[in-house]
C-alpha cells in the first residue's frame, strides 16, 4: 500500500480511479484498508475544494414536498 496525500486535482483523480478498483475488496484485506483511507482522503479533498452549501430551508421543504407529491393543503392539520 503506497498512499500519498491528495494535494492536486491529478492526485484526486488518481485516488478516485484507485478507489474504483479496490472498492469491493473483502473486509480485512490490505486493499480494503487502503480503500478506507482513500475514502477519507477523497472526502476531505472534496469538502475543501467542492463544498456543498446547505439549501435554503424553504426551498428544501418545497423540493421535499414535490418529491412526496404534496401540496400546501396536505400540510394543514384538518
Protein backbone atom coordinates (compact mmCIF):
# COMPACT_ATOMS: atom_id res chain seq x y z
CA UNK A 1 0.00 0.00 0.00
CA UNK A 2 1.51 3.29 -1.12
CA UNK A 3 -0.77 6.16 -0.15
CA UNK A 4 0.22 9.76 -0.73
CA UNK A 5 -1.62 12.95 0.26
CA UNK A 6 -4.12 14.36 -2.20
CA UNK A 7 -2.73 17.80 -2.99
CA UNK A 8 -3.70 18.36 -6.61
CA UNK A 9 -6.59 17.66 -8.95
CA UNK A 10 -4.45 15.00 -10.64
CA UNK A 11 -3.83 13.31 -7.26
CA UNK A 12 -7.56 13.45 -6.62
CA UNK A 13 -8.43 11.84 -9.96
CA UNK A 14 -5.83 9.11 -9.44
CA UNK A 15 -7.22 8.41 -5.96
CA UNK A 16 -10.75 8.11 -7.40
CA UNK A 17 -9.52 5.67 -10.05
CA UNK A 18 -7.72 3.56 -7.47
CA UNK A 19 -10.73 3.55 -5.15
CA UNK A 20 -12.92 2.35 -8.01
CA UNK A 21 -10.60 -0.64 -8.48
CA UNK A 22 -10.40 -1.67 -4.81
CA UNK A 23 -13.83 -0.55 -3.55
CA UNK A 24 -15.38 -4.03 -3.24
CA UNK A 25 -12.40 -5.86 -1.78
CA UNK A 26 -13.16 -8.14 1.19
CA UNK A 27 -13.03 -6.52 4.61
CA UNK A 28 -9.78 -7.16 6.44
CA UNK A 29 -7.60 -7.18 3.35
CA UNK A 30 -4.87 -4.66 2.69
CA UNK A 31 -6.88 -3.32 -0.25
CA UNK A 32 -9.94 -2.84 1.97
CA UNK A 33 -7.85 -0.84 4.44
CA UNK A 34 -6.45 1.19 1.55
CA UNK A 35 -10.00 1.86 0.31
CA UNK A 36 -11.00 3.13 3.77
CA UNK A 37 -8.04 5.51 3.90
CA UNK A 38 -8.54 6.70 0.32
CA UNK A 39 -12.23 7.30 1.02
CA UNK A 40 -11.39 9.55 3.96
CA UNK A 41 -8.76 11.44 1.99
CA UNK A 42 -11.07 11.89 -1.00
CA UNK A 43 -13.86 13.11 1.28
CA UNK A 44 -11.54 15.69 2.86
CA UNK A 45 -10.35 16.92 -0.53
CA UNK A 46 -13.92 17.21 -1.84
CA UNK A 47 -15.11 19.11 1.23
CA UNK A 48 -12.28 21.59 0.81
CA UNK A 49 -12.40 22.02 -2.98
CA UNK A 50 -16.05 21.28 -3.81
CA UNK A 51 -18.09 22.49 -0.83
CA UNK A 52 -21.82 21.93 -0.94
CA UNK A 53 -23.78 24.72 0.65
CA UNK A 54 -26.85 23.93 2.69
CA UNK A 55 -30.04 24.61 0.76
CA UNK A 56 -32.37 27.43 1.67
CA UNK A 57 -34.79 25.87 4.23
CA UNK A 58 -37.89 26.96 2.31
CA UNK A 59 -36.52 25.57 -0.95
CA UNK A 60 -35.62 22.32 0.80
CA UNK A 61 -39.22 21.98 2.03
CA UNK A 62 -40.57 22.72 -1.46
CA UNK A 63 -38.27 20.11 -3.02
CA UNK A 64 -39.29 17.50 -0.45
CA UNK A 65 -42.98 18.32 -0.98
CA UNK A 66 -42.54 17.86 -4.72
CA UNK A 67 -40.75 14.54 -4.19
CA UNK A 68 -43.61 13.35 -2.00
CA UNK A 69 -46.24 14.86 -4.32
CA UNK A 70 -47.66 17.02 -1.52
CA UNK A 71 -49.43 20.36 -1.76
CA UNK A 72 -49.73 23.07 0.88
CA UNK A 73 -53.19 21.74 1.78
CA UNK A 74 -51.62 18.38 2.63
CA UNK A 75 -49.59 20.10 5.37
CA UNK A 76 -52.59 21.69 7.09
CA UNK A 77 -53.93 19.88 10.16
CA UNK A 78 -57.59 19.28 9.44
